[in-house]
Amino acid sequence: PANPAPVPPQARDPRRSGTPVPRQPATGAATPTPEPVAQSVTLPGTDILSSPWLGPTLGTVRERWFYSPELDRDMPYYIYLPPDYGTAERRYPVLYMLHGLGGHREEWIVYDLLNIADREIARGNIPPMIIVLPQGDKGYWTNHTADGPLWGEYLSRDLVAMIDATYRTLRSPDARAIGGLSMGGWGALHHAFTRPDLFGIVGAHSASLRVDDGSLDFLGTGAEFASKSPLELAGTAKGIENLRIWIDSGE
């Protein structure tokens, strides 16, 4: 089934933590008709995702849930399967993309990631791949101090294991990439630096890099904070010299 017409690019305006908001008109400009709030839904009788942010794709986008033992709750995720997934007898590299603190798993759909990836795969400019968009709430994608929730183990243990068990993936670090925006950029670097045996490629976009100032108490302080912080891990973690790392930052 066809997706509705995609929301125009001028409506895809991020704020600092990553949540899309409508653009404000310039001074003196006519006030535009507000865009409706985007709500992704699954088409009746299927798990195929329909979203105003998602144009027609040759690949398939699905919404699915799985039980995370580390969080002891059911967690949703979106997954993009490339156009030949249903016909080719082969395995695929996987890209995990993490949303920001004020965001949602739909964030990277809003930023056109899936539309552009689908187009470039169809043109032969990039290889077919699986793209996973997990839900991370406001957990910073890491284990919380004391007896807090294990958002780190949820991603690196539960999610990756489930994806590898459920889909035809290439199960090696050089075929498994992780990226993210803001909080998600922090989380992507954290996981790549602590688990280079899982992730061989990492991209951090406007990463919310932090110092040990106690502003997020669930990250801990001192040695515990240092064991999580990408800024600290960059100088101490073992095995990260083999990572392929991309870092950028918006204005």
Protein backbone atom coordinates (compact mmCIF):
# COMPACT_ATOMS: atom_id res chain seq x y z
CA PRO A 1 0.00 0.00 0.00
CA ALA A 2 1.18 3.50 -0.81
CA ASN A 3 2.19 5.87 1.96
CA PRO A 4 0.57 9.30 2.13
CA ALA A 5 2.36 12.20 0.47
CA PRO A 6 5.48 13.06 2.51
CA VAL A 7 5.61 16.21 4.59
CA PRO A 8 7.62 18.86 2.70
CA PRO A 9 11.28 19.42 3.71
CA GLN A 10 10.59 22.92 5.06
CA ALA A 11 8.55 21.34 7.86
CA ARG A 12 11.44 19.15 8.97
CA ASP A 13 13.05 21.60 11.38
CA PRO A 14 14.92 20.10 14.36
CA ARG A 15 15.33 21.75 17.70
CA ARG A 16 18.44 21.16 19.76
CA SER A 17 17.39 17.85 21.28
CA GLY A 18 16.20 16.47 18.00
CA THR A 19 12.42 16.79 18.01
CA PRO A 20 10.97 18.06 14.71
CA VAL A 21 8.87 21.21 15.01
CA PRO A 22 7.20 23.36 12.33
CA ARG A 23 9.33 26.23 11.07
CA GLN A 24 8.32 29.73 12.16
CA PRO A 25 7.55 32.27 9.42
CA ALA A 26 9.98 35.14 8.87
CA THR A 27 9.07 38.53 10.32
CA GLY A 28 6.33 40.09 8.22
CA ALA A 29 5.57 36.86 6.38
CA ALA A 30 2.08 35.48 6.22
CA THR A 31 1.36 32.89 8.87
CA PRO A 32 1.17 29.48 7.17
CA THR A 33 -1.53 26.96 7.88
CA PRO A 34 -0.14 24.73 10.67
CA GLU A 35 0.94 21.28 9.62
CA PRO A 36 -1.01 18.48 11.31
CA VAL A 37 0.88 16.64 14.00
CA ALA A 38 2.51 13.60 12.39
CA GLN A 39 1.31 10.28 13.72
CA SER A 40 2.76 7.07 12.35
CA VAL A 41 0.41 4.12 12.29
CA THR A 42 0.56 0.53 11.18
CA LEU A 43 -1.74 -0.36 8.32
CA PRO A 44 -4.68 -2.54 9.43
CA GLY A 45 -3.88 -6.22 9.51
CA THR A 46 -0.14 -5.68 9.02
CA ASP A 47 2.94 -4.36 10.78
CA ILE A 48 3.79 -2.13 7.80
CA LEU A 49 4.33 1.48 8.87
CA SER A 50 2.42 4.36 7.33
CA SER A 51 3.73 7.84 8.11
CA PRO A 52 3.24 11.32 6.64
CA TRP A 53 7.04 11.66 6.88
CA LEU A 54 7.65 8.55 4.78
CA GLY A 55 7.36 8.65 1.01
CA PRO A 56 6.76 5.62 -1.22
CA THR A 57 9.68 3.21 -0.78
CA LEU A 58 10.85 0.15 -2.67
CA GLY A 59 11.93 -1.35 0.62
CA THR A 60 9.58 -2.09 3.50
CA VAL A 61 9.27 -0.20 6.80
CA ARG A 62 7.72 -2.10 9.70
CA GLU A 63 6.86 -1.39 13.32
CA ARG A 64 7.53 -4.28 15.67
CA TRP A 65 7.86 -4.96 19.41
CA PHE A 66 10.01 -7.32 21.44
CA TYR A 67 10.50 -8.17 25.08
CA SER A 68 13.68 -6.76 26.64
CA PRO A 69 14.80 -8.85 29.64
CA GLU A 70 17.17 -6.08 30.75
CA LEU A 71 14.34 -3.53 30.98
CA ASP A 72 11.67 -6.13 31.78
CA ARG A 73 9.23 -4.53 29.35
CA ASP A 74 8.11 -4.72 25.76
CA MET A 75 9.91 -2.24 23.52
CA PRO A 76 8.97 -0.97 20.05
CA TYR A 77 11.26 -0.43 17.10
CA TYR A 78 10.98 0.53 13.44
CA ILE A 79 12.91 -1.48 10.89
CA TYR A 80 13.69 -0.81 7.23
CA LEU A 81 14.20 -3.89 5.05
CA PRO A 82 15.80 -3.23 1.63
CA PRO A 83 13.94 -3.88 -1.63
CA ASP A 84 15.41 -7.34 -2.29
CA TYR A 85 15.09 -8.62 1.28
CA GLY A 86 12.15 -10.85 0.42
CA THR A 87 13.75 -12.36 -2.68
CA ALA A 88 17.53 -12.49 -2.19
CA GLU A 89 19.07 -15.34 -0.23
CA ARG A 90 21.77 -13.37 1.54
CA ARG A 91 22.59 -11.45 4.69
CA TYR A 92 22.74 -7.68 5.12
CA PRO A 93 24.72 -5.10 7.09
CA VAL A 94 22.77 -3.31 9.80
CA LEU A 95 22.66 0.36 10.80
CA TYR A 96 21.23 1.30 14.21
CA MET A 97 20.19 4.96 14.53
CA LEU A 98 19.46 6.46 17.97
CA HIS A 99 17.14 9.40 18.63
CA GLY A 100 17.77 12.45 20.80
CA LEU A 101 16.59 13.28 24.32
CA GLY A 102 13.42 15.04 23.21
CA GLY A 103 12.93 12.69 20.30
CA HIS A 104 11.30 9.43 19.37
CA ARG A 105 12.11 6.45 17.17
CA GLU A 106 10.36 8.29 14.31
CA GLU A 107 12.98 11.05 14.43
CA TRP A 108 15.20 9.63 11.68
CA ILE A 109 12.17 9.03 9.46
CA VAL A 110 11.36 12.73 9.83
CA TYR A 111 14.91 13.63 8.77
CA ASP A 112 14.44 11.62 5.53
CA LEU A 113 16.94 8.89 6.44
CA LEU A 114 14.81 6.03 5.16
CA ASN A 115 13.59 7.84 2.05
CA ILE A 116 17.15 8.76 1.05
CA ALA A 117 18.62 5.36 1.92
CA ASP A 118 15.92 3.62 -0.12
CA ARG A 119 16.59 5.89 -3.10
CA GLU A 120 20.37 5.45 -2.95
CA ILE A 121 20.07 1.66 -2.60
CA ALA A 122 17.80 1.61 -5.68
CA ARG A 123 20.37 3.68 -7.61
CA GLY A 124 23.19 1.36 -6.61
CA ASN A 125 25.08 4.13 -4.76
CA ILE A 126 25.06 2.31 -1.41
CA PRO A 127 24.70 -1.41 -0.69
CA PRO A 128 21.36 -2.79 0.53
CA MET A 129 21.19 -2.65 4.32
CA ILE A 130 18.82 -3.09 7.23
CA ILE A 131 18.15 0.05 9.30
CA VAL A 132 16.86 -0.21 12.87
CA LEU A 133 15.27 2.73 14.73
CA PRO A 134 14.87 1.74 18.40
CA GLN A 135 13.03 3.55 21.18
CA GLY A 136 15.24 4.92 23.96
CA ASP A 137 12.96 7.34 25.85
CA LYS A 138 15.26 9.64 27.90
CA GLY A 139 17.65 6.97 29.14
CA TYR A 140 20.81 8.23 27.39
CA TRP A 141 21.26 4.75 25.90
CA THR A 142 23.37 3.65 28.89
CA ASN A 143 22.97 1.75 32.16
CA HIS A 144 21.83 4.01 34.97
CA THR A 145 23.66 4.20 38.25
CA ALA A 146 22.72 2.11 41.31
CA ASP A 147 19.68 -0.02 40.52
CA GLY A 148 18.44 2.13 37.66
CA PRO A 149 17.23 0.79 34.31
CA LEU A 150 19.80 -0.87 32.05
CA TRP A 151 19.29 1.12 28.86
CA GLY A 152 22.78 0.20 27.71
CA GLU A 153 22.31 -3.56 28.04
CA TYR A 154 18.89 -3.23 26.44
CA LEU A 155 20.54 -1.95 23.27
CA SER A 156 23.84 -3.85 23.10
CA ARG A 157 22.55 -7.16 24.45
CA ASP A 158 18.80 -7.48 23.95
CA LEU A 159 18.20 -5.47 20.79
CA VAL A 160 21.24 -6.57 18.79
CA ALA A 161 20.71 -10.23 19.73
CA MET A 162 17.04 -10.07 18.76
CA ILE A 163 17.76 -8.37 15.41
CA ASP A 164 20.44 -10.94 14.58
CA ALA A 165 18.13 -13.81 15.55
CA THR A 166 15.12 -12.47 13.65
CA TYR A 167 16.58 -11.05 10.44
CA ARG A 168 19.22 -12.12 7.92
CA THR A 169 22.05 -9.95 9.21
CA LEU A 170 25.81 -9.97 8.76
CA ARG A 171 27.02 -10.58 12.29
CA SER A 172 30.40 -8.90 12.43
CA PRO A 173 31.55 -5.46 13.62
CA ASP A 174 32.52 -4.30 10.14
CA ALA A 175 28.92 -4.89 9.02
CA ARG A 176 27.24 -3.36 12.07
CA ALA A 177 27.10 0.44 12.41
CA ILE A 178 25.56 2.72 15.03
CA GLY A 179 24.76 6.42 14.89
CA GLY A 180 22.64 9.02 16.61
CA LEU A 181 21.68 12.62 17.19
CA SER A 182 22.34 14.63 20.37
CA MET A 183 21.66 12.14 23.20
CA GLY A 184 21.73 9.49 20.49
CA GLY A 185 25.15 10.71 19.31
CA TRP A 186 26.44 10.35 22.87
CA GLY A 187 24.91 6.87 23.02
CA ALA A 188 26.35 5.83 19.66
CA LEU A 189 29.89 6.79 20.69
CA HIS A 190 29.41 5.19 24.11
CA HIS A 191 28.39 1.86 22.60
CA ALA A 192 31.01 1.85 19.86
CA PHE A 193 33.78 2.73 22.33
CA THR A 194 32.69 0.13 24.91
CA ARG A 195 31.69 -2.60 22.44
CA PRO A 196 34.00 -2.48 19.41
CA ASP A 197 33.39 -6.22 19.21
CA LEU A 198 29.81 -5.35 18.20
CA PHE A 199 30.05 -2.05 16.32
CA GLY A 200 32.82 -1.32 13.84
CA ILE A 201 31.39 1.93 12.48
CA VAL A 202 29.96 4.89 14.42
CA GLY A 203 28.48 8.26 13.50
CA ALA A 204 27.75 10.98 16.04
CA HIS A 205 25.67 13.96 14.93
CA SER A 206 25.61 17.02 17.22
CA ALA A 207 26.46 14.64 20.04
CA SER A 208 25.51 15.79 23.53
CA LEU A 209 29.00 15.37 24.97
CA ARG A 210 29.10 16.04 28.69
CA VAL A 211 31.53 16.63 31.55
CA ASP A 212 31.36 15.13 35.02
CA ASP A 213 29.32 17.91 36.63
CA GLY A 214 26.50 15.86 38.15
CA SER A 215 23.88 17.40 35.89
CA LEU A 216 22.61 13.93 34.97
CA ASP A 217 22.82 12.00 38.20
CA PHE A 218 21.89 8.68 36.57
CA LEU A 219 25.24 8.72 34.73
CA GLY A 220 27.07 8.57 38.05
CA THR A 221 30.25 10.45 38.92
CA GLY A 222 33.97 9.77 39.08
CA ALA A 223 35.03 6.37 37.79
CA GLU A 224 31.48 5.37 36.88
CA PHE A 225 30.98 8.48 34.77
CA ALA A 226 34.37 7.96 33.13
CA SER A 227 33.40 4.40 32.20
CA LYS A 228 30.42 5.77 30.22
CA SER A 229 31.52 9.14 28.84
CA PRO A 230 32.73 9.14 25.21
CA LEU A 231 35.12 12.00 26.06
CA GLU A 232 36.82 9.82 28.68
CA LEU A 233 36.55 6.56 26.74
CA ALA A 234 38.22 8.07 23.68
CA GLY A 235 41.49 8.05 25.61
CA THR A 236 41.13 4.86 27.63
CA ALA A 237 38.98 2.27 25.83
CA LYS A 238 40.66 -0.74 24.29
CA GLY A 239 40.22 -1.68 20.65
CA ILE A 240 38.70 1.56 19.40
CA GLU A 241 41.63 2.32 17.12
CA ASN A 242 40.02 0.03 14.53
CA LEU A 243 36.68 1.88 14.53
CA ARG A 244 35.54 3.97 11.59
CA ILE A 245 34.31 7.19 13.25
CA TRP A 246 32.34 10.12 11.84
CA ILE A 247 31.53 13.15 13.99
CA ASP A 248 29.71 16.29 12.90
CA SER A 249 27.94 19.12 14.69
CA GLY A 250 25.22 21.47 13.47
CA GLU A 251 25.30 25.20 14.16
